[in-house]
């Protein structure tokens, strides 16, 4: 339970920080994504970073318990999958990211979903730690 609480705090706070930034500076992020998508090195490098972070989470937290901690494992698998796609199928990753950034509501949906998941994980992580878990 200790690793779940720790990861809930870290991932939750990260998602809150990143999603609020995305929602406030949406146009800046669209430009950043456009610039990044034209750089093959960035696509591969970020893929390797996502892959290693996903591996770290999946190996440290392989729990599918059907409760809130499953979100952490799911987050790890999403990072692992995202990294795999960026490294082995970069053109697919670029096409998906372009569709997301060119959509009027794509980044907003990502931002709001990430914010809600981040707030939930942060709440759970800090709530359980106050109970001595």
C-alpha atoms as a PDB file:
ATOM      1  CA  UNK A   1       0.000   0.000   0.000  1.00  0.00           C
ATOM      2  CA  UNK A   2       2.930   2.325   0.680  1.00  0.00           C
ATOM      3  CA  UNK A   3       4.130   2.338  -2.915  1.00  0.00           C
ATOM      4  CA  UNK A   4       0.575   2.960  -4.137  1.00  0.00           C
ATOM      5  CA  UNK A   5       0.203   5.983  -1.880  1.00  0.00           C
ATOM      6  CA  UNK A   6       3.605   7.351  -2.874  1.00  0.00           C
ATOM      7  CA  UNK A   7       2.903   6.903  -6.592  1.00  0.00           C
ATOM      8  CA  UNK A   8      -0.603   8.362  -6.209  1.00  0.00           C
ATOM      9  CA  UNK A   9       0.932  11.520  -4.737  1.00  0.00           C
ATOM     10  CA  UNK A  10       3.650  11.825  -7.375  1.00  0.00           C
ATOM     11  CA  UNK A  11       1.523  10.974 -10.412  1.00  0.00           C
ATOM     12  CA  UNK A  12      -1.460  12.916  -9.094  1.00  0.00           C
ATOM     13  CA  UNK A  13       0.526  16.101  -8.487  1.00  0.00           C
ATOM     14  CA  UNK A  14       2.267  15.721 -11.854  1.00  0.00           C
ATOM     15  CA  UNK A  15      -1.061  15.343 -13.679  1.00  0.00           C
ATOM     16  CA  UNK A  16      -2.550  18.345 -11.873  1.00  0.00           C
ATOM     17  CA  UNK A  17       0.468  20.514 -12.664  1.00  0.00           C
ATOM     18  CA  UNK A  18       0.714  19.414 -16.307  1.00  0.00           C
ATOM     19  CA  UNK A  19      -3.019  19.576 -17.039  1.00  0.00           C
ATOM     20  CA  UNK A  20      -3.522  23.022 -15.489  1.00  0.00           C
ATOM     21  CA  UNK A  21      -0.579  24.260 -17.538  1.00  0.00           C
ATOM     22  CA  UNK A  22      -2.081  22.708 -20.682  1.00  0.00           C
ATOM     23  CA  UNK A  23      -5.514  24.191 -20.027  1.00  0.00           C
ATOM     24  CA  UNK A  24      -4.176  27.691 -19.305  1.00  0.00           C
ATOM     25  CA  UNK A  25      -1.630  27.817 -22.129  1.00  0.00           C
ATOM     26  CA  UNK A  26      -3.424  25.724 -24.747  1.00  0.00           C
ATOM     27  CA  UNK A  27      -2.215  27.763 -27.739  1.00  0.00           C
ATOM     28  CA  UNK A  28       1.395  27.673 -26.547  1.00  0.00           C
ATOM     29  CA  UNK A  29       1.165  23.898 -26.181  1.00  0.00           C
ATOM     30  CA  UNK A  30      -0.277  23.561 -29.690  1.00  0.00           C
ATOM     31  CA  UNK A  31       2.789  25.386 -31.040  1.00  0.00           C
ATOM     32  CA  UNK A  32       5.145  23.306 -28.895  1.00  0.00           C
ATOM     33  CA  UNK A  33       3.534  20.087 -30.121  1.00  0.00           C
ATOM     34  CA  UNK A  34       3.757  21.274 -33.727  1.00  0.00           C
ATOM     35  CA  UNK A  35       7.475  22.044 -33.315  1.00  0.00           C
ATOM     36  CA  UNK A  36       8.133  18.758 -31.504  1.00  0.00           C
ATOM     37  CA  UNK A  37       6.323  16.687 -34.126  1.00  0.00           C
ATOM     38  CA  UNK A  38       8.689  17.912 -36.829  1.00  0.00           C
ATOM     39  CA  UNK A  39      11.713  16.684 -34.854  1.00  0.00           C
ATOM     40  CA  UNK A  40      12.401  12.964 -35.270  1.00  0.00           C
ATOM     41  CA  UNK A  41      14.962  12.936 -32.463  1.00  0.00           C
ATOM     42  CA  UNK A  42      12.412  14.349 -30.016  1.00  0.00           C
ATOM     43  CA  UNK A  43       9.833  11.732 -30.974  1.00  0.00           C
ATOM     44  CA  UNK A  44      12.290   8.880 -30.361  1.00  0.00           C
ATOM     45  CA  UNK A  45      13.868  10.382 -27.254  1.00  0.00           C
ATOM     46  CA  UNK A  46      10.510  11.108 -25.629  1.00  0.00           C
ATOM     47  CA  UNK A  47       9.452   7.581 -26.578  1.00  0.00           C
ATOM     48  CA  UNK A  48      12.403   6.089 -24.709  1.00  0.00           C
ATOM     49  CA  UNK A  49      11.688   8.311 -21.685  1.00  0.00           C
ATOM     50  CA  UNK A  50       8.003   7.286 -21.675  1.00  0.00           C
ATOM     51  CA  UNK A  51       8.987   3.643 -22.089  1.00  0.00           C
ATOM     52  CA  UNK A  52      11.410   3.626 -19.151  1.00  0.00           C
ATOM     53  CA  UNK A  53       8.983   5.510 -16.889  1.00  0.00           C
ATOM     54  CA  UNK A  54       6.247   3.070 -17.860  1.00  0.00           C
ATOM     55  CA  UNK A  55       8.511   0.109 -17.112  1.00  0.00           C
ATOM     56  CA  UNK A  56       9.428   1.554 -13.717  1.00  0.00           C
ATOM     57  CA  UNK A  57       5.772   1.945 -12.760  1.00  0.00           C
ATOM     58  CA  UNK A  58       4.577  -1.375 -14.191  1.00  0.00           C
ATOM     59  CA  UNK A  59       7.371  -3.350 -12.515  1.00  0.00           C
ATOM     60  CA  UNK A  60       7.081  -1.515  -9.181  1.00  0.00           C
ATOM     61  CA  UNK A  61       3.292  -1.493  -9.149  1.00  0.00           C
ATOM     62  CA  UNK A  62       1.737  -4.510 -10.956  1.00  0.00           C
ATOM     63  CA  UNK A  63      -1.584  -4.301  -9.102  1.00  0.00           C
ATOM     64  CA  UNK A  64      -5.001  -4.781 -10.704  1.00  0.00           C
ATOM     65  CA  UNK A  65      -6.997  -4.798  -7.487  1.00  0.00           C
ATOM     66  CA  UNK A  66     -10.126  -3.119  -8.789  1.00  0.00           C
ATOM     67  CA  UNK A  67      -9.718  -0.067  -6.563  1.00  0.00           C
ATOM     68  CA  UNK A  68      -8.105   3.351  -6.953  1.00  0.00           C
ATOM     69  CA  UNK A  69      -4.581   1.887  -7.096  1.00  0.00           C
ATOM     70  CA  UNK A  70      -5.412   0.334 -10.462  1.00  0.00           C
ATOM     71  CA  UNK A  71      -5.188   3.851 -11.964  1.00  0.00           C
ATOM     72  CA  UNK A  72      -1.473   3.869 -11.172  1.00  0.00           C
ATOM     73  CA  UNK A  73      -0.864   0.574 -12.949  1.00  0.00           C
ATOM     74  CA  UNK A  74      -2.976   1.755 -15.882  1.00  0.00           C
ATOM     75  CA  UNK A  75      -0.942   4.980 -16.048  1.00  0.00           C
ATOM     76  CA  UNK A  76       2.255   2.910 -16.204  1.00  0.00           C
ATOM     77  CA  UNK A  77       0.900   0.740 -19.011  1.00  0.00           C
ATOM     78  CA  UNK A  78      -0.227   3.835 -20.938  1.00  0.00           C
ATOM     79  CA  UNK A  79       3.287   5.295 -20.659  1.00  0.00           C
ATOM     80  CA  UNK A  80       4.792   1.983 -21.746  1.00  0.00           C
ATOM     81  CA  UNK A  81       2.456   1.749 -24.747  1.00  0.00           C
ATOM     82  CA  UNK A  82       3.008   5.401 -25.672  1.00  0.00           C
ATOM     83  CA  UNK A  83       6.776   4.945 -25.556  1.00  0.00           C
ATOM     84  CA  UNK A  84       6.598   1.777 -27.653  1.00  0.00           C
ATOM     85  CA  UNK A  85       4.497   3.517 -30.316  1.00  0.00           C
ATOM     86  CA  UNK A  86       6.807   6.552 -30.459  1.00  0.00           C
ATOM     87  CA  UNK A  87       9.917   4.412 -30.880  1.00  0.00           C
ATOM     88  CA  UNK A  88       8.629   1.708 -33.238  1.00  0.00           C
ATOM     89  CA  UNK A  89       5.813   3.524 -35.064  1.00  0.00           C
ATOM     90  CA  UNK A  90       6.738   7.224 -34.973  1.00  0.00           C
ATOM     91  CA  UNK A  91       4.633   8.120 -38.009  1.00  0.00           C
ATOM     92  CA  UNK A  92       1.517   6.769 -36.288  1.00  0.00           C
ATOM     93  CA  UNK A  93       2.381   8.724 -33.142  1.00  0.00           C
ATOM     94  CA  UNK A  94       2.847  11.892 -35.180  1.00  0.00           C
ATOM     95  CA  UNK A  95      -0.461  11.409 -37.029  1.00  0.00           C
ATOM     96  CA  UNK A  96      -2.331  10.807 -33.759  1.00  0.00           C
ATOM     97  CA  UNK A  97      -0.747  13.864 -32.118  1.00  0.00           C
ATOM     98  CA  UNK A  98      -1.523  16.049 -35.137  1.00  0.00           C
ATOM     99  CA  UNK A  99      -5.170  14.976 -35.050  1.00  0.00           C
ATOM    100  CA  UNK A 100      -5.309  15.721 -31.343  1.00  0.00           C
ATOM    101  CA  UNK A 101      -3.755  19.184 -31.630  1.00  0.00           C
ATOM    102  CA  UNK A 102      -5.731  20.187 -34.727  1.00  0.00           C
ATOM    103  CA  UNK A 103      -9.027  19.218 -33.151  1.00  0.00           C
ATOM    104  CA  UNK A 104     -10.878  22.076 -31.473  1.00  0.00           C
ATOM    105  CA  UNK A 105     -11.577  20.070 -28.335  1.00  0.00           C
ATOM    106  CA  UNK A 106      -8.895  17.348 -28.340  1.00  0.00           C
ATOM    107  CA  UNK A 107      -6.418  19.051 -26.020  1.00  0.00           C
ATOM    108  CA  UNK A 108      -9.239  20.319 -23.802  1.00  0.00           C
ATOM    109  CA  UNK A 109     -10.502  16.761 -23.264  1.00  0.00           C
ATOM    110  CA  UNK A 110      -7.003  15.515 -22.504  1.00  0.00           C
ATOM    111  CA  UNK A 111      -6.442  18.399 -20.113  1.00  0.00           C
ATOM    112  CA  UNK A 112      -9.708  17.951 -18.221  1.00  0.00           C
ATOM    113  CA  UNK A 113      -9.440  14.168 -17.960  1.00  0.00           C
ATOM    114  CA  UNK A 114      -5.833  14.440 -16.745  1.00  0.00           C
ATOM    115  CA  UNK A 115      -6.870  17.109 -14.233  1.00  0.00           C
ATOM    116  CA  UNK A 116      -9.696  14.993 -12.819  1.00  0.00           C
ATOM    117  CA  UNK A 117      -7.526  11.872 -12.558  1.00  0.00           C
ATOM    118  CA  UNK A 118      -4.714  13.924 -11.044  1.00  0.00           C
ATOM    119  CA  UNK A 119      -6.985  15.534  -8.454  1.00  0.00           C
ATOM    120  CA  UNK A 120      -8.415  12.150  -7.536  1.00  0.00           C
ATOM    121  CA  UNK A 121      -5.002  10.496  -7.162  1.00  0.00           C
ATOM    122  CA  UNK A 122      -3.667  13.453  -5.176  1.00  0.00           C
ATOM    123  CA  UNK A 123      -6.672  13.363  -2.878  1.00  0.00           C
ATOM    124  CA  UNK A 124      -6.420   9.608  -2.357  1.00  0.00           C
ATOM    125  CA  UNK A 125      -2.653   9.692  -1.867  1.00  0.00           C
ATOM    126  CA  UNK A 126      -2.698  12.418   0.738  1.00  0.00           C
ATOM    127  CA  UNK A 127      -5.868  11.149   2.423  1.00  0.00           C
ATOM    128  CA  UNK A 128      -4.497   7.656   2.990  1.00  0.00           C
ATOM    129  CA  UNK A 129      -1.154   8.954   4.187  1.00  0.00           C
ATOM    130  CA  UNK A 130      -2.933  10.964   6.891  1.00  0.00           C
ATOM    131  CA  UNK A 131      -4.447   7.698   8.149  1.00  0.00           C
ATOM    132  CA  UNK A 132      -0.988   6.196   8.651  1.00  0.00           C
ATOM    133  CA  UNK A 133      -0.968   3.779   5.685  1.00  0.00           C
END
